[in-house]
PDB file of N, CA and C in Angstrom:
ATOM      1  N   MET A   1       0.813  -1.185   0.000  1.00  0.00           N
ATOM      2  CA  MET A   1       0.000   0.000   0.000  1.00  0.00           C
ATOM      3  C   MET A   1       0.863   1.258   0.000  1.00  0.00           C
ATOM      4  N   LYS A   2       1.905   1.252   0.829  1.00  0.00           N
ATOM      5  CA  LYS A   2       2.799   2.394   0.914  1.00  0.00           C
ATOM      6  C   LYS A   2       3.517   2.617  -0.419  1.00  0.00           C
ATOM      7  N   MET A   3       3.923   1.525  -1.039  1.00  0.00           N
ATOM      8  CA  MET A   3       4.630   1.600  -2.314  1.00  0.00           C
ATOM      9  C   MET A   3       3.719   2.189  -3.400  1.00  0.00           C
ATOM     10  N   ARG A   4       2.477   1.790  -3.416  1.00  0.00           N
ATOM     11  CA  ARG A   4       1.517   2.309  -4.408  1.00  0.00           C
ATOM     12  C   ARG A   4       1.335   3.817  -4.216  1.00  0.00           C
ATOM     13  N   LEU A   5       1.238   4.268  -2.971  1.00  0.00           N
ATOM     14  CA  LEU A   5       1.087   5.682  -2.669  1.00  0.00           C
ATOM     15  C   LEU A   5       2.314   6.465  -3.137  1.00  0.00           C
ATOM     16  N   LEU A   6       3.492   5.956  -2.842  1.00  0.00           N
ATOM     17  CA  LEU A   6       4.714   6.622  -3.284  1.00  0.00           C
ATOM     18  C   LEU A   6       4.809   6.673  -4.806  1.00  0.00           C
ATOM     19  N   LEU A   7       4.430   5.615  -5.467  1.00  0.00           N
ATOM     20  CA  LEU A   7       4.449   5.575  -6.924  1.00  0.00           C
ATOM     21  C   LEU A   7       3.458   6.586  -7.506  1.00  0.00           C
ATOM     22  N   THR A   8       2.274   6.680  -6.922  1.00  0.00           N
ATOM     23  CA  THR A   8       1.267   7.641  -7.372  1.00  0.00           C
ATOM     24  C   THR A   8       1.776   9.069  -7.200  1.00  0.00           C
ATOM     25  N   ILE A   9       2.395   9.359  -6.076  1.00  0.00           N
ATOM     26  CA  ILE A   9       2.950  10.698  -5.836  1.00  0.00           C
ATOM     27  C   ILE A   9       4.056  10.999  -6.838  1.00  0.00           C
ATOM     28  N   ALA A  10       4.924  10.047  -7.095  1.00  0.00           N
ATOM     29  CA  ALA A  10       6.018  10.252  -8.038  1.00  0.00           C
ATOM     30  C   ALA A  10       5.498  10.525  -9.446  1.00  0.00           C
ATOM     31  N   ILE A  11       4.522   9.772  -9.879  1.00  0.00           N
ATOM     32  CA  ILE A  11       3.961   9.958 -11.227  1.00  0.00           C
ATOM     33  C   ILE A  11       3.256  11.311 -11.319  1.00  0.00           C
ATOM     34  N   THR A  12       2.485  11.658 -10.315  1.00  0.00           N
ATOM     35  CA  THR A  12       1.779  12.941 -10.306  1.00  0.00           C
ATOM     36  C   THR A  12       2.761  14.100 -10.357  1.00  0.00           C
ATOM     37  N   THR A  13       3.826  14.010  -9.586  1.00  0.00           N
ATOM     38  CA  THR A  13       4.847  15.058  -9.579  1.00  0.00           C
ATOM     39  C   THR A  13       5.520  15.171 -10.935  1.00  0.00           C
ATOM     40  N   ALA A  14       5.859  14.062 -11.543  1.00  0.00           N
ATOM     41  CA  ALA A  14       6.512  14.077 -12.855  1.00  0.00           C
ATOM     42  C   ALA A  14       5.603  14.688 -13.911  1.00  0.00           C
ATOM     43  N   VAL A  15       4.339  14.337 -13.907  1.00  0.00           N
ATOM     44  CA  VAL A  15       3.385  14.887 -14.878  1.00  0.00           C
ATOM     45  C   VAL A  15       3.218  16.378 -14.664  1.00  0.00           C
ATOM     46  N   THR A  16       3.140  16.814 -13.412  1.00  0.00           N
ATOM     47  CA  THR A  16       2.978  18.239 -13.107  1.00  0.00           C
ATOM     48  C   THR A  16       4.171  19.031 -13.617  1.00  0.00           C
ATOM     49  N   PHE A  17       5.389  18.555 -13.355  1.00  0.00           N
ATOM     50  CA  PHE A  17       6.568  19.281 -13.801  1.00  0.00           C
ATOM     51  C   PHE A  17       6.704  19.268 -15.310  1.00  0.00           C
ATOM     52  N   SER A  18       6.396  18.160 -15.983  1.00  0.00           N
ATOM     53  CA  SER A  18       6.511  18.125 -17.431  1.00  0.00           C
ATOM     54  C   SER A  18       5.466  19.025 -18.078  1.00  0.00           C
ATOM     55  N   SER A  19       4.272  19.143 -17.488  1.00  0.00           N
ATOM     56  CA  SER A  19       3.250  20.049 -18.010  1.00  0.00           C
ATOM     57  C   SER A  19       3.692  21.489 -17.866  1.00  0.00           C
ATOM     58  N   ALA A  20       4.286  21.819 -16.733  1.00  0.00           N
ATOM     59  CA  ALA A  20       4.763  23.184 -16.515  1.00  0.00           C
ATOM     60  C   ALA A  20       5.876  23.520 -17.489  1.00  0.00           C
ATOM     61  N   GLU A  21       6.784  22.575 -17.728  1.00  0.00           N
ATOM     62  CA  GLU A  21       7.865  22.820 -18.679  1.00  0.00           C
ATOM     63  C   GLU A  21       7.324  23.023 -20.086  1.00  0.00           C
ATOM     64  N   ALA A  22       6.310  22.261 -20.466  1.00  0.00           N
ATOM     65  CA  ALA A  22       5.730  22.388 -21.801  1.00  0.00           C
ATOM     66  C   ALA A  22       5.073  23.750 -21.976  1.00  0.00           C
ATOM     67  N   ARG A  23       4.495  24.284 -20.902  1.00  0.00           N
ATOM     68  CA  ARG A  23       3.840  25.588 -20.951  1.00  0.00           C
ATOM     69  C   ARG A  23       4.855  26.719 -21.014  1.00  0.00           C
ATOM     70  N   ASP A  24       6.004  26.534 -20.399  1.00  0.00           N
ATOM     71  CA  ASP A  24       7.000  27.589 -20.339  1.00  0.00           C
ATOM     72  C   ASP A  24       7.618  27.809 -21.700  1.00  0.00           C
ATOM     73  N   GLY A  25       7.757  29.070 -22.036  1.00  0.00           N
ATOM     74  CA  GLY A  25       8.401  29.416 -23.284  1.00  0.00           C
ATOM     75  C   GLY A  25       9.724  30.091 -23.017  1.00  0.00           C
ATOM     76  N   ASP A  26      10.379  30.471 -24.064  1.00  0.00           N
ATOM     77  CA  ASP A  26      11.659  31.162 -24.010  1.00  0.00           C
ATOM     78  C   ASP A  26      11.387  32.660 -24.150  1.00  0.00           C
ATOM     79  N   ALA A  27      11.546  33.386 -23.055  1.00  0.00           N
ATOM     80  CA  ALA A  27      11.224  34.815 -23.047  1.00  0.00           C
ATOM     81  C   ALA A  27      12.105  35.603 -24.022  1.00  0.00           C
ATOM     82  N   LEU A  28      13.364  35.217 -24.174  1.00  0.00           N
ATOM     83  CA  LEU A  28      14.243  35.930 -25.118  1.00  0.00           C
ATOM     84  C   LEU A  28      13.783  35.730 -26.558  1.00  0.00           C
ATOM     85  N   ALA A  29      13.401  34.511 -26.886  1.00  0.00           N
ATOM     86  CA  ALA A  29      12.869  34.256 -28.227  1.00  0.00           C
ATOM     87  C   ALA A  29      11.533  34.978 -28.407  1.00  0.00           C
ATOM     88  N   GLY A  30      10.744  35.054 -27.343  1.00  0.00           N
ATOM     89  CA  GLY A  30       9.481  35.775 -27.394  1.00  0.00           C
ATOM     90  C   GLY A  30       9.686  37.259 -27.624  1.00  0.00           C
ATOM     91  N   GLU A  31      10.694  37.810 -26.986  1.00  0.00           N
ATOM     92  CA  GLU A  31      11.002  39.233 -27.179  1.00  0.00           C
ATOM     93  C   GLU A  31      11.403  39.505 -28.623  1.00  0.00           C
ATOM     94  N   ALA A  32      12.220  38.616 -29.191  1.00  0.00           N
ATOM     95  CA  ALA A  32      12.631  38.777 -30.587  1.00  0.00           C
ATOM     96  C   ALA A  32      11.430  38.692 -31.516  1.00  0.00           C
ATOM     97  N   ARG A  33      10.548  37.739 -31.284  1.00  0.00           N
ATOM     98  CA  ARG A  33       9.354  37.584 -32.127  1.00  0.00           C
ATOM     99  C   ARG A  33       8.418  38.777 -31.956  1.00  0.00           C
ATOM    100  N   TYR A  34       8.261  39.237 -30.725  1.00  0.00           N
ATOM    101  CA  TYR A  34       7.421  40.394 -30.444  1.00  0.00           C
ATOM    102  C   TYR A  34       7.915  41.620 -31.226  1.00  0.00           C
ATOM    103  N   SER A  35       9.218  41.823 -31.242  1.00  0.00           N
ATOM    104  CA  SER A  35       9.774  43.016 -31.903  1.00  0.00           C
ATOM    105  C   SER A  35       9.629  42.975 -33.422  1.00  0.00           C
ATOM    106  N   GLU A  36       9.371  41.790 -33.974  1.00  0.00           N
ATOM    107  CA  GLU A  36       9.181  41.677 -35.426  1.00  0.00           C
ATOM    108  C   GLU A  36       7.846  42.266 -35.868  1.00  0.00           C
ATOM    109  N   THR A  37       6.796  42.076 -35.096  1.00  0.00           N
ATOM    110  CA  THR A  37       5.455  42.450 -35.552  1.00  0.00           C
ATOM    111  C   THR A  37       4.616  43.115 -34.472  1.00  0.00           C
ATOM    112  N   CYS A  38       4.542  42.521 -33.318  1.00  0.00           N
ATOM    113  CA  CYS A  38       3.597  42.931 -32.271  1.00  0.00           C
ATOM    114  C   CYS A  38       3.837  44.354 -31.775  1.00  0.00           C
ATOM    115  N   VAL A  39       5.105  44.747 -31.734  1.00  0.00           N
ATOM    116  CA  VAL A  39       5.467  46.068 -31.217  1.00  0.00           C
ATOM    117  C   VAL A  39       4.794  47.191 -32.004  1.00  0.00           C
ATOM    118  N   ASN A  40       4.480  46.958 -33.261  1.00  0.00           N
ATOM    119  CA  ASN A  40       3.883  47.992 -34.097  1.00  0.00           C
ATOM    120  C   ASN A  40       2.532  48.469 -33.561  1.00  0.00           C
ATOM    121  N   CYS A  41       1.785  47.594 -32.925  1.00  0.00           N
ATOM    122  CA  CYS A  41       0.468  47.966 -32.395  1.00  0.00           C
ATOM    123  C   CYS A  41       0.440  48.018 -30.866  1.00  0.00           C
ATOM    124  N   HIS A  42       1.094  47.062 -30.232  1.00  0.00           N
ATOM    125  CA  HIS A  42       1.022  46.964 -28.777  1.00  0.00           C
ATOM    126  C   HIS A  42       2.102  47.765 -28.072  1.00  0.00           C
ATOM    127  N   GLY A  43       2.999  48.390 -28.836  1.00  0.00           N
ATOM    128  CA  GLY A  43       3.998  49.272 -28.264  1.00  0.00           C
ATOM    129  C   GLY A  43       5.172  48.555 -27.629  1.00  0.00           C
ATOM    130  N   PRO A  44       6.162  49.355 -27.220  1.00  0.00           N
ATOM    131  CA  PRO A  44       7.360  48.790 -26.591  1.00  0.00           C
ATOM    132  C   PRO A  44       7.011  47.965 -25.351  1.00  0.00           C
ATOM    133  N   ALA A  45       7.537  46.772 -25.293  1.00  0.00           N
ATOM    134  CA  ALA A  45       7.365  45.861 -24.153  1.00  0.00           C
ATOM    135  C   ALA A  45       5.902  45.582 -23.827  1.00  0.00           C
ATOM    136  N   GLY A  46       5.014  45.715 -24.811  1.00  0.00           N
ATOM    137  CA  GLY A  46       3.614  45.347 -24.617  1.00  0.00           C
ATOM    138  C   GLY A  46       2.819  46.269 -23.727  1.00  0.00           C
ATOM    139  N   ARG A  47       3.198  47.523 -23.651  1.00  0.00           N
ATOM    140  CA  ARG A  47       2.507  48.455 -22.759  1.00  0.00           C
ATOM    141  C   ARG A  47       1.230  49.051 -23.363  1.00  0.00           C
ATOM    142  N   GLY A  48       0.933  48.698 -24.606  1.00  0.00           N
ATOM    143  CA  GLY A  48      -0.298  49.148 -25.243  1.00  0.00           C
ATOM    144  C   GLY A  48      -0.152  50.493 -25.927  1.00  0.00           C
ATOM    145  N   MET A  49      -0.967  50.696 -26.962  1.00  0.00           N
ATOM    146  CA  MET A  49      -0.998  51.955 -27.702  1.00  0.00           C
ATOM    147  C   MET A  49      -2.393  52.128 -28.286  1.00  0.00           C
ATOM    148  N   ALA A  50      -2.901  53.338 -28.244  1.00  0.00           N
ATOM    149  CA  ALA A  50      -4.202  53.667 -28.829  1.00  0.00           C
ATOM    150  C   ALA A  50      -5.248  52.626 -28.411  1.00  0.00           C
ATOM    151  N   SER A  51      -5.888  51.980 -29.383  1.00  0.00           N
ATOM    152  CA  SER A  51      -6.941  50.999 -29.052  1.00  0.00           C
ATOM    153  C   SER A  51      -6.383  49.595 -28.832  1.00  0.00           C
ATOM    154  N   PHE A  52      -5.066  49.451 -28.860  1.00  0.00           N
ATOM    155  CA  PHE A  52      -4.432  48.142 -28.687  1.00  0.00           C
ATOM    156  C   PHE A  52      -4.070  47.950 -27.220  1.00  0.00           C
ATOM    157  N   PRO A  53      -4.543  46.872 -26.607  1.00  0.00           N
ATOM    158  CA  PRO A  53      -4.398  46.709 -25.161  1.00  0.00           C
ATOM    159  C   PRO A  53      -2.980  46.439 -24.689  1.00  0.00           C
ATOM    160  N   GLN A  54      -2.778  46.765 -23.430  1.00  0.00           N
ATOM    161  CA  GLN A  54      -1.533  46.424 -22.756  1.00  0.00           C
ATOM    162  C   GLN A  54      -1.487  44.917 -22.573  1.00  0.00           C
ATOM    163  N   LEU A  55      -0.353  44.323 -22.886  1.00  0.00           N
ATOM    164  CA  LEU A  55      -0.167  42.882 -22.714  1.00  0.00           C
ATOM    165  C   LEU A  55       0.858  42.583 -21.626  1.00  0.00           C
ATOM    166  N   ALA A  56       1.721  43.543 -21.349  1.00  0.00           N
ATOM    167  CA  ALA A  56       2.778  43.350 -20.352  1.00  0.00           C
ATOM    168  C   ALA A  56       2.172  42.989 -19.005  1.00  0.00           C
ATOM    169  N   GLY A  57       2.727  41.957 -18.392  1.00  0.00           N
ATOM    170  CA  GLY A  57       2.301  41.547 -17.074  1.00  0.00           C
ATOM    171  C   GLY A  57       1.060  40.672 -17.031  1.00  0.00           C
ATOM    172  N   LYS A  58       0.433  40.432 -18.173  1.00  0.00           N
ATOM    173  CA  LYS A  58      -0.735  39.539 -18.198  1.00  0.00           C
ATOM    174  C   LYS A  58      -0.259  38.105 -17.964  1.00  0.00           C
ATOM    175  N   ASP A  59      -1.152  37.285 -17.453  1.00  0.00           N
ATOM    176  CA  ASP A  59      -0.851  35.881 -17.188  1.00  0.00           C
ATOM    177  C   ASP A  59      -0.494  35.147 -18.487  1.00  0.00           C
ATOM    178  N   ALA A  60       0.530  34.324 -18.452  1.00  0.00           N
ATOM    179  CA  ALA A  60       0.990  33.595 -19.647  1.00  0.00           C
ATOM    180  C   ALA A  60      -0.109  32.707 -20.223  1.00  0.00           C
ATOM    181  N   ASP A  61      -0.892  32.083 -19.362  1.00  0.00           N
ATOM    182  CA  ASP A  61      -1.982  31.230 -19.852  1.00  0.00           C
ATOM    183  C   ASP A  61      -3.036  32.059 -20.594  1.00  0.00           C
ATOM    184  N   TYR A  62      -3.296  33.257 -20.105  1.00  0.00           N
ATOM    185  CA  TYR A  62      -4.249  34.154 -20.772  1.00  0.00           C
ATOM    186  C   TYR A  62      -3.738  34.528 -22.163  1.00  0.00           C
ATOM    187  N   ILE A  63      -2.474  34.934 -22.229  1.00  0.00           N
ATOM    188  CA  ILE A  63      -1.893  35.361 -23.514  1.00  0.00           C
ATOM    189  C   ILE A  63      -1.882  34.206 -24.508  1.00  0.00           C
ATOM    190  N   SER A  64      -1.397  33.057 -24.082  1.00  0.00           N
ATOM    191  CA  SER A  64      -1.332  31.931 -25.016  1.00  0.00           C
ATOM    192  C   SER A  64      -2.733  31.475 -25.421  1.00  0.00           C
ATOM    193  N   GLY A  65      -3.660  31.481 -24.488  1.00  0.00           N
ATOM    194  CA  GLY A  65      -5.035  31.094 -24.813  1.00  0.00           C
ATOM    195  C   GLY A  65      -5.667  32.024 -25.832  1.00  0.00           C
ATOM    196  N   ARG A  66      -5.457  33.318 -25.642  1.00  0.00           N
ATOM    197  CA  ARG A  66      -6.027  34.294 -26.562  1.00  0.00           C
ATOM    198  C   ARG A  66      -5.386  34.162 -27.947  1.00  0.00           C
ATOM    199  N   LEU A  67      -4.059  33.990 -27.993  1.00  0.00           N
ATOM    200  CA  LEU A  67      -3.394  33.841 -29.293  1.00  0.00           C
ATOM    201  C   LEU A  67      -3.871  32.581 -30.021  1.00  0.00           C
ATOM    202  N   LYS A  68      -4.111  31.525 -29.276  1.00  0.00           N
ATOM    203  CA  LYS A  68      -4.620  30.295 -29.895  1.00  0.00           C
ATOM    204  C   LYS A  68      -6.046  30.487 -30.409  1.00  0.00           C
ATOM    205  N   GLN A  69      -6.836  31.262 -29.694  1.00  0.00           N
ATOM    206  CA  GLN A  69      -8.191  31.561 -30.173  1.00  0.00           C
ATOM    207  C   GLN A  69      -8.117  32.344 -31.482  1.00  0.00           C
ATOM    208  N   TYR A  70      -7.275  33.358 -31.518  1.00  0.00           N
ATOM    209  CA  TYR A  70      -7.107  34.132 -32.753  1.00  0.00           C
ATOM    210  C   TYR A  70      -6.593  33.243 -33.879  1.00  0.00           C
ATOM    211  N   ARG A  71      -5.622  32.395 -33.557  1.00  0.00           N
ATOM    212  CA  ARG A  71      -5.033  31.514 -34.573  1.00  0.00           C
ATOM    213  C   ARG A  71      -6.094  30.610 -35.203  1.00  0.00           C
ATOM    214  N   SER A  72      -7.052  30.197 -34.396  1.00  0.00           N
ATOM    215  CA  SER A  72      -8.109  29.317 -34.918  1.00  0.00           C
ATOM    216  C   SER A  72      -9.207  30.091 -35.646  1.00  0.00           C
ATOM    217  N   GLY A  73      -9.098  31.435 -35.646  1.00  0.00           N
ATOM    218  CA  GLY A  73     -10.068  32.251 -36.358  1.00  0.00           C
ATOM    219  C   GLY A  73     -11.239  32.703 -35.516  1.00  0.00           C
ATOM    220  N   GLU A  74     -11.164  32.464 -34.222  1.00  0.00           N
ATOM    221  CA  GLU A  74     -12.260  32.823 -33.324  1.00  0.00           C
ATOM    222  C   GLU A  74     -12.277  34.330 -33.058  1.00  0.00           C
ATOM    223  N   THR A  75     -13.454  34.925 -33.104  1.00  0.00           N
ATOM    224  CA  THR A  75     -13.621  36.336 -32.781  1.00  0.00           C
ATOM    225  C   THR A  75     -13.795  36.455 -31.272  1.00  0.00           C
ATOM    226  N   VAL A  76     -12.892  37.213 -30.630  1.00  0.00           N
ATOM    227  CA  VAL A  76     -12.938  37.323 -29.172  1.00  0.00           C
ATOM    228  C   VAL A  76     -12.889  38.764 -28.680  1.00  0.00           C
ATOM    229  N   GLY A  77     -12.953  39.707 -29.573  1.00  0.00           N
ATOM    230  CA  GLY A  77     -12.935  41.104 -29.161  1.00  0.00           C
ATOM    231  C   GLY A  77     -12.910  42.019 -30.367  1.00  0.00           C
ATOM    232  N   PRO A  78     -12.894  43.333 -30.118  1.00  0.00           N
ATOM    233  CA  PRO A  78     -12.998  44.300 -31.207  1.00  0.00           C
ATOM    234  C   PRO A  78     -11.814  44.297 -32.182  1.00  0.00           C
ATOM    235  N   ASN A  79     -10.674  43.812 -31.753  1.00  0.00           N
ATOM    236  CA  ASN A  79      -9.504  43.792 -32.637  1.00  0.00           C
ATOM    237  C   ASN A  79      -9.274  42.427 -33.286  1.00  0.00           C
ATOM    238  N   SER A  80     -10.253  41.546 -33.208  1.00  0.00           N
ATOM    239  CA  SER A  80     -10.108  40.201 -33.768  1.00  0.00           C
ATOM    240  C   SER A  80      -9.775  40.229 -35.253  1.00  0.00           C
ATOM    241  N   GLY A  81     -10.394  41.141 -35.992  1.00  0.00           N
ATOM    242  CA  GLY A  81     -10.134  41.236 -37.426  1.00  0.00           C
ATOM    243  C   GLY A  81      -8.681  41.527 -37.740  1.00  0.00           C
ATOM    244  N   LEU A  82      -7.989  42.205 -36.839  1.00  0.00           N
ATOM    245  CA  LEU A  82      -6.558  42.483 -37.008  1.00  0.00           C
ATOM    246  C   LEU A  82      -5.699  41.343 -36.470  1.00  0.00           C
ATOM    247  N   MET A  83      -6.141  40.754 -35.364  1.00  0.00           N
ATOM    248  CA  MET A  83      -5.323  39.741 -34.702  1.00  0.00           C
ATOM    249  C   MET A  83      -5.372  38.371 -35.367  1.00  0.00           C
ATOM    250  N   ILE A  84      -6.491  38.010 -35.948  1.00  0.00           N
ATOM    251  CA  ILE A  84      -6.603  36.683 -36.560  1.00  0.00           C
ATOM    252  C   ILE A  84      -5.537  36.471 -37.631  1.00  0.00           C
ATOM    253  N   PRO A  85      -5.354  37.391 -38.580  1.00  0.00           N
ATOM    254  CA  PRO A  85      -4.300  37.165 -39.576  1.00  0.00           C
ATOM    255  C   PRO A  85      -2.891  37.198 -38.977  1.00  0.00           C
ATOM    256  N   MET A  86      -2.712  37.968 -37.903  1.00  0.00           N
ATOM    257  CA  MET A  86      -1.390  38.056 -37.275  1.00  0.00           C
ATOM    258  C   MET A  86      -1.038  36.749 -36.556  1.00  0.00           C
ATOM    259  N   ALA A  87      -2.037  36.095 -35.977  1.00  0.00           N
ATOM    260  CA  ALA A  87      -1.792  34.880 -35.192  1.00  0.00           C
ATOM    261  C   ALA A  87      -1.884  33.607 -36.017  1.00  0.00           C
ATOM    262  N   ARG A  88      -2.453  33.699 -37.195  1.00  0.00           N
ATOM    263  CA  ARG A  88      -2.737  32.507 -38.000  1.00  0.00           C
ATOM    264  C   ARG A  88      -1.522  31.594 -38.189  1.00  0.00           C
ATOM    265  N   ASP A  89      -0.352  32.158 -38.406  1.00  0.00           N
ATOM    266  CA  ASP A  89       0.832  31.338 -38.691  1.00  0.00           C
ATOM    267  C   ASP A  89       1.746  31.116 -37.484  1.00  0.00           C
ATOM    268  N   LEU A  90       1.316  31.529 -36.298  1.00  0.00           N
ATOM    269  CA  LEU A  90       2.145  31.315 -35.114  1.00  0.00           C
ATOM    270  C   LEU A  90       2.157  29.838 -34.724  1.00  0.00           C
ATOM    271  N   SER A  91       3.325  29.338 -34.418  1.00  0.00           N
ATOM    272  CA  SER A  91       3.446  27.955 -33.934  1.00  0.00           C
ATOM    273  C   SER A  91       3.156  27.930 -32.428  1.00  0.00           C
ATOM    274  N   ASP A  92       2.964  26.734 -31.898  1.00  0.00           N
ATOM    275  CA  ASP A  92       2.772  26.605 -30.451  1.00  0.00           C
ATOM    276  C   ASP A  92       3.979  27.138 -29.691  1.00  0.00           C
ATOM    277  N   ASP A  93       5.177  26.881 -30.205  1.00  0.00           N
ATOM    278  CA  ASP A  93       6.398  27.380 -29.555  1.00  0.00           C
ATOM    279  C   ASP A  93       6.454  28.899 -29.574  1.00  0.00           C
ATOM    280  N   GLU A  94       6.106  29.507 -30.694  1.00  0.00           N
ATOM    281  CA  GLU A  94       6.109  30.969 -30.775  1.00  0.00           C
ATOM    282  C   GLU A  94       5.095  31.566 -29.804  1.00  0.00           C
ATOM    283  N   ILE A  95       3.946  30.951 -29.695  1.00  0.00           N
ATOM    284  CA  ILE A  95       2.935  31.431 -28.750  1.00  0.00           C
ATOM    285  C   ILE A  95       3.450  31.303 -27.322  1.00  0.00           C
ATOM    286  N   ALA A  96       4.055  30.179 -26.980  1.00  0.00           N
ATOM    287  CA  ALA A  96       4.612  29.995 -25.636  1.00  0.00           C
ATOM    288  C   ALA A  96       5.705  31.015 -25.360  1.00  0.00           C
ATOM    289  N   ASN A  97       6.543  31.285 -26.355  1.00  0.00           N
ATOM    290  CA  ASN A  97       7.627  32.262 -26.191  1.00  0.00           C
ATOM    291  C   ASN A  97       7.079  33.669 -25.992  1.00  0.00           C
ATOM    292  N   LEU A  98       6.091  34.048 -26.789  1.00  0.00           N
ATOM    293  CA  LEU A  98       5.469  35.366 -26.634  1.00  0.00           C
ATOM    294  C   LEU A  98       4.819  35.492 -25.260  1.00  0.00           C
ATOM    295  N   ALA A  99       4.132  34.452 -24.829  1.00  0.00           N
ATOM    296  CA  ALA A  99       3.479  34.470 -23.516  1.00  0.00           C
ATOM    297  C   ALA A  99       4.505  34.598 -22.394  1.00  0.00           C
ATOM    298  N   ALA A 100       5.620  33.898 -22.522  1.00  0.00           N
ATOM    299  CA  ALA A 100       6.677  33.980 -21.504  1.00  0.00           C
ATOM    300  C   ALA A 100       7.253  35.393 -21.444  1.00  0.00           C
ATOM    301  N   TYR A 101       7.513  35.976 -22.595  1.00  0.00           N
ATOM    302  CA  TYR A 101       8.060  37.336 -22.637  1.00  0.00           C
ATOM    303  C   TYR A 101       7.087  38.353 -22.058  1.00  0.00           C
ATOM    304  N   LEU A 102       5.856  38.333 -22.528  1.00  0.00           N
ATOM    305  CA  LEU A 102       4.888  39.350 -22.118  1.00  0.00           C
ATOM    306  C   LEU A 102       4.478  39.208 -20.657  1.00  0.00           C
ATOM    307  N   SER A 103       4.367  37.988 -20.171  1.00  0.00           N
ATOM    308  CA  SER A 103       3.968  37.817 -18.776  1.00  0.00           C
ATOM    309  C   SER A 103       5.066  38.282 -17.818  1.00  0.00           C
ATOM    310  N   ALA A 104       6.309  38.268 -18.278  1.00  0.00           N
ATOM    311  CA  ALA A 104       7.432  38.711 -17.444  1.00  0.00           C
ATOM    312  C   ALA A 104       7.734  40.198 -17.615  1.00  0.00           C
ATOM    313  N   ALA A 105       7.161  40.823 -18.655  1.00  0.00           N
ATOM    314  CA  ALA A 105       7.438  42.244 -18.923  1.00  0.00           C
ATOM    315  C   ALA A 105       6.778  43.104 -17.853  1.00  0.00           C
ATOM    316  N   PRO A 106       7.487  44.139 -17.389  1.00  0.00           N
ATOM    317  CA  PRO A 106       6.893  45.014 -16.373  1.00  0.00           C
ATOM    318  C   PRO A 106       5.725  45.813 -16.941  1.00  0.00           C
ATOM    319  N   GLU A 107       4.722  46.009 -16.116  1.00  0.00           N
ATOM    320  CA  GLU A 107       3.526  46.743 -16.540  1.00  0.00           C
ATOM    321  C   GLU A 107       3.791  48.223 -16.637  1.00  0.00           C
TER     322      GLU A 107
END
């Protein structure tokens, strides 16, 4: 019984850490990708400009979730018409990297 409990804890811990690693992106690569396109509307370090929202400091899961919604063509807000074509070709890694960069950027 004790062995089964220890095995269950070990497996749960391993799955939790591997899921967290899969979610984590490379913030430096995200910064480079951000500076290619996103900066034009969302401003330096994601602080927002005009009608384009601030992204700096937002939760990484929120950012990646929203980018995936745009990538799939889903309308989720007033700027969807602009964001859908921008996100359409983003890979999962690019989305994770952008989320890592923006979530760590100071507000």
